[in-house]
């Protein structure tokens, strides 16, 4: 929990979040060597990736408005990446993948907002109160 309140820890979590975006982008836009037939078996992976990206923002964002903005950016990024896949050889645009990206981002955002409101903010208030009493 200390990591969430330390400035360096929040910067590290932001860096990991950016690395997650980079990894997701590379995985989605790298041409496939052996393209398989069109299958929707990757919907869970799309959902999980974008849920993780949206949820991960709570590691460094402390306001509900920040989380909301980052969730909207995650949804927009998921939509944009799906359109971009249509421009990559051996990749295809898939509306179901786009839906999985969007739904994942929304679920991740809901989890992040819940964690922020029920765990992080009360812990921050308790820390501030303890620091005020100690001085």
C-alpha atoms as a PDB file:
ATOM      1  CA  UNK A   1       0.000   0.000   0.000  1.00  0.00           C
ATOM      2  CA  UNK A   2       2.938   2.317   0.688  1.00  0.00           C
ATOM      3  CA  UNK A   3       3.821   2.174  -3.012  1.00  0.00           C
ATOM      4  CA  UNK A   4       0.542   3.919  -3.852  1.00  0.00           C
ATOM      5  CA  UNK A   5       1.411   6.940  -1.699  1.00  0.00           C
ATOM      6  CA  UNK A   6       5.091   7.357  -2.510  1.00  0.00           C
ATOM      7  CA  UNK A   7       5.793   9.780  -5.379  1.00  0.00           C
ATOM      8  CA  UNK A   8       8.486   7.528  -6.833  1.00  0.00           C
ATOM      9  CA  UNK A   9       6.166   4.552  -6.553  1.00  0.00           C
ATOM     10  CA  UNK A  10       3.432   6.363  -8.456  1.00  0.00           C
ATOM     11  CA  UNK A  11       5.946   7.323 -11.154  1.00  0.00           C
ATOM     12  CA  UNK A  12       7.039   3.700 -11.397  1.00  0.00           C
ATOM     13  CA  UNK A  13       3.406   2.583 -11.712  1.00  0.00           C
ATOM     14  CA  UNK A  14       2.873   5.190 -14.429  1.00  0.00           C
ATOM     15  CA  UNK A  15       5.915   3.822 -16.261  1.00  0.00           C
ATOM     16  CA  UNK A  16       4.548   0.277 -15.993  1.00  0.00           C
ATOM     17  CA  UNK A  17       1.194   1.498 -17.312  1.00  0.00           C
ATOM     18  CA  UNK A  18       2.956   3.095 -20.305  1.00  0.00           C
ATOM     19  CA  UNK A  19       4.876  -0.154 -20.853  1.00  0.00           C
ATOM     20  CA  UNK A  20       1.542  -1.985 -20.815  1.00  0.00           C
ATOM     21  CA  UNK A  21       0.247   0.321 -23.523  1.00  0.00           C
ATOM     22  CA  UNK A  22       3.383  -0.157 -25.596  1.00  0.00           C
ATOM     23  CA  UNK A  23       3.187  -3.930 -25.262  1.00  0.00           C
ATOM     24  CA  UNK A  24      -0.518  -4.004 -26.137  1.00  0.00           C
ATOM     25  CA  UNK A  25       0.047  -1.772 -29.162  1.00  0.00           C
ATOM     26  CA  UNK A  26       2.939  -3.886 -30.426  1.00  0.00           C
ATOM     27  CA  UNK A  27       1.009  -7.127 -29.944  1.00  0.00           C
ATOM     28  CA  UNK A  28      -2.026  -5.772 -31.766  1.00  0.00           C
ATOM     29  CA  UNK A  29      -0.138  -4.215 -34.680  1.00  0.00           C
ATOM     30  CA  UNK A  30       2.614  -6.732 -35.359  1.00  0.00           C
ATOM     31  CA  UNK A  31       1.862  -8.679 -38.533  1.00  0.00           C
ATOM     32  CA  UNK A  32       1.199 -12.357 -37.887  1.00  0.00           C
ATOM     33  CA  UNK A  33       3.573 -14.876 -39.454  1.00  0.00           C
ATOM     34  CA  UNK A  34       0.940 -17.598 -39.613  1.00  0.00           C
ATOM     35  CA  UNK A  35      -2.456 -15.912 -39.794  1.00  0.00           C
ATOM     36  CA  UNK A  36      -5.164 -18.250 -38.612  1.00  0.00           C
ATOM     37  CA  UNK A  37      -8.687 -18.297 -39.849  1.00  0.00           C
ATOM     38  CA  UNK A  38     -10.914 -15.616 -38.373  1.00  0.00           C
ATOM     39  CA  UNK A  39     -11.793 -16.723 -34.876  1.00  0.00           C
ATOM     40  CA  UNK A  40     -13.159 -14.937 -31.856  1.00  0.00           C
ATOM     41  CA  UNK A  41     -11.115 -16.953 -29.384  1.00  0.00           C
ATOM     42  CA  UNK A  42      -9.026 -13.885 -28.597  1.00  0.00           C
ATOM     43  CA  UNK A  43     -11.938 -11.860 -27.185  1.00  0.00           C
ATOM     44  CA  UNK A  44     -10.950 -12.737 -23.618  1.00  0.00           C
ATOM     45  CA  UNK A  45      -7.413 -11.493 -24.290  1.00  0.00           C
ATOM     46  CA  UNK A  46      -8.765  -8.212 -25.698  1.00  0.00           C
ATOM     47  CA  UNK A  47     -11.072  -7.809 -22.696  1.00  0.00           C
ATOM     48  CA  UNK A  48      -8.303  -8.596 -20.191  1.00  0.00           C
ATOM     49  CA  UNK A  49      -5.731  -6.316 -21.828  1.00  0.00           C
ATOM     50  CA  UNK A  50      -7.978  -3.266 -21.827  1.00  0.00           C
ATOM     51  CA  UNK A  51      -9.425  -4.018 -18.391  1.00  0.00           C
ATOM     52  CA  UNK A  52      -5.851  -4.139 -17.096  1.00  0.00           C
ATOM     53  CA  UNK A  53      -4.913  -0.890 -18.803  1.00  0.00           C
ATOM     54  CA  UNK A  54      -7.957   0.953 -17.433  1.00  0.00           C
ATOM     55  CA  UNK A  55      -7.577  -0.553 -13.954  1.00  0.00           C
ATOM     56  CA  UNK A  56      -3.838   0.130 -13.873  1.00  0.00           C
ATOM     57  CA  UNK A  57      -4.423   3.872 -14.024  1.00  0.00           C
ATOM     58  CA  UNK A  58      -5.493   3.834 -10.368  1.00  0.00           C
ATOM     59  CA  UNK A  59      -1.846   3.286  -9.482  1.00  0.00           C
ATOM     60  CA  UNK A  60      -1.026   6.897 -10.314  1.00  0.00           C
ATOM     61  CA  UNK A  61      -4.352   8.748 -10.814  1.00  0.00           C
ATOM     62  CA  UNK A  62      -6.008   9.954  -7.609  1.00  0.00           C
ATOM     63  CA  UNK A  63      -9.073  11.831  -8.830  1.00  0.00           C
ATOM     64  CA  UNK A  64     -12.234  10.345 -10.253  1.00  0.00           C
ATOM     65  CA  UNK A  65     -12.033  12.820 -13.125  1.00  0.00           C
ATOM     66  CA  UNK A  66      -8.496  11.660 -13.947  1.00  0.00           C
ATOM     67  CA  UNK A  67      -9.633   8.035 -13.959  1.00  0.00           C
ATOM     68  CA  UNK A  68     -12.625   8.908 -16.124  1.00  0.00           C
ATOM     69  CA  UNK A  69     -10.415  10.720 -18.632  1.00  0.00           C
ATOM     70  CA  UNK A  70      -7.959   7.808 -18.707  1.00  0.00           C
ATOM     71  CA  UNK A  71     -10.837   5.329 -19.158  1.00  0.00           C
ATOM     72  CA  UNK A  72     -12.165   7.335 -22.113  1.00  0.00           C
ATOM     73  CA  UNK A  73      -8.631   7.451 -23.533  1.00  0.00           C
ATOM     74  CA  UNK A  74      -8.350   3.678 -23.071  1.00  0.00           C
ATOM     75  CA  UNK A  75     -11.633   3.122 -24.896  1.00  0.00           C
ATOM     76  CA  UNK A  76     -10.547   5.467 -27.690  1.00  0.00           C
ATOM     77  CA  UNK A  77      -7.176   3.725 -27.871  1.00  0.00           C
ATOM     78  CA  UNK A  78      -8.834   0.322 -28.135  1.00  0.00           C
ATOM     79  CA  UNK A  79     -11.080   1.536 -30.944  1.00  0.00           C
ATOM     80  CA  UNK A  80      -8.170   3.204 -32.755  1.00  0.00           C
ATOM     81  CA  UNK A  81      -5.963   0.120 -32.463  1.00  0.00           C
ATOM     82  CA  UNK A  82      -8.708  -2.053 -33.889  1.00  0.00           C
ATOM     83  CA  UNK A  83      -9.069   0.263 -36.899  1.00  0.00           C
ATOM     84  CA  UNK A  84      -5.270   0.296 -37.259  1.00  0.00           C
ATOM     85  CA  UNK A  85      -5.248  -3.503 -37.376  1.00  0.00           C
ATOM     86  CA  UNK A  86      -7.210  -3.238 -40.597  1.00  0.00           C
ATOM     87  CA  UNK A  87      -4.193  -1.508 -42.147  1.00  0.00           C
ATOM     88  CA  UNK A  88      -1.653  -4.169 -41.083  1.00  0.00           C
ATOM     89  CA  UNK A  89      -0.950  -7.162 -43.332  1.00  0.00           C
ATOM     90  CA  UNK A  90      -2.408 -10.407 -41.941  1.00  0.00           C
ATOM     91  CA  UNK A  91      -4.453  -8.459 -39.373  1.00  0.00           C
ATOM     92  CA  UNK A  92      -8.123  -7.605 -39.647  1.00  0.00           C
ATOM     93  CA  UNK A  93     -10.547  -5.122 -38.188  1.00  0.00           C
ATOM     94  CA  UNK A  94     -13.092  -6.891 -35.986  1.00  0.00           C
ATOM     95  CA  UNK A  95     -16.075  -5.164 -34.402  1.00  0.00           C
ATOM     96  CA  UNK A  96     -16.291  -7.882 -31.725  1.00  0.00           C
ATOM     97  CA  UNK A  97     -12.675  -7.251 -30.724  1.00  0.00           C
ATOM     98  CA  UNK A  98     -13.501  -3.549 -30.511  1.00  0.00           C
ATOM     99  CA  UNK A  99     -16.445  -4.365 -28.262  1.00  0.00           C
ATOM    100  CA  UNK A 100     -14.233  -6.552 -26.058  1.00  0.00           C
ATOM    101  CA  UNK A 101     -11.681  -3.716 -25.814  1.00  0.00           C
ATOM    102  CA  UNK A 102     -14.404  -1.245 -24.836  1.00  0.00           C
ATOM    103  CA  UNK A 103     -16.127  -3.554 -22.358  1.00  0.00           C
ATOM    104  CA  UNK A 104     -12.786  -4.446 -20.783  1.00  0.00           C
ATOM    105  CA  UNK A 105     -11.890  -0.771 -20.384  1.00  0.00           C
ATOM    106  CA  UNK A 106     -15.264  -0.043 -18.780  1.00  0.00           C
ATOM    107  CA  UNK A 107     -14.951  -2.942 -16.327  1.00  0.00           C
ATOM    108  CA  UNK A 108     -11.365  -1.958 -15.498  1.00  0.00           C
ATOM    109  CA  UNK A 109     -12.459   1.628 -14.918  1.00  0.00           C
ATOM    110  CA  UNK A 110     -15.263   0.507 -12.602  1.00  0.00           C
ATOM    111  CA  UNK A 111     -12.788  -1.582 -10.614  1.00  0.00           C
ATOM    112  CA  UNK A 112     -10.276   1.273 -10.438  1.00  0.00           C
ATOM    113  CA  UNK A 113     -12.909   3.764  -9.310  1.00  0.00           C
ATOM    114  CA  UNK A 114     -14.153   1.321  -6.664  1.00  0.00           C
ATOM    115  CA  UNK A 115     -10.612   0.776  -5.373  1.00  0.00           C
ATOM    116  CA  UNK A 116      -9.980   4.522  -5.333  1.00  0.00           C
ATOM    117  CA  UNK A 117     -13.150   5.359  -3.415  1.00  0.00           C
ATOM    118  CA  UNK A 118     -13.247   2.416  -0.994  1.00  0.00           C
ATOM    119  CA  UNK A 119      -9.574   1.721  -0.306  1.00  0.00           C
ATOM    120  CA  UNK A 120      -7.099   4.353  -1.475  1.00  0.00           C
ATOM    121  CA  UNK A 121      -8.900   7.524  -0.393  1.00  0.00           C
ATOM    122  CA  UNK A 122      -9.793   6.214   3.095  1.00  0.00           C
ATOM    123  CA  UNK A 123      -6.186   5.023   3.530  1.00  0.00           C
ATOM    124  CA  UNK A 124      -4.874   8.423   2.411  1.00  0.00           C
ATOM    125  CA  UNK A 125      -7.191  10.198   4.845  1.00  0.00           C
ATOM    126  CA  UNK A 126      -6.080   7.902   7.676  1.00  0.00           C
ATOM    127  CA  UNK A 127      -2.426   8.588   6.818  1.00  0.00           C
ATOM    128  CA  UNK A 128      -3.038  12.335   6.779  1.00  0.00           C
ATOM    129  CA  UNK A 129      -4.890  12.171  10.089  1.00  0.00           C
ATOM    130  CA  UNK A 130      -2.102  10.087  11.648  1.00  0.00           C
ATOM    131  CA  UNK A 131       0.532  12.522  10.392  1.00  0.00           C
ATOM    132  CA  UNK A 132      -1.419  15.475  11.774  1.00  0.00           C
ATOM    133  CA  UNK A 133      -1.752  13.819  15.189  1.00  0.00           C
ATOM    134  CA  UNK A 134       1.951  12.937  15.234  1.00  0.00           C
ATOM    135  CA  UNK A 135       3.003  16.562  14.759  1.00  0.00           C
END
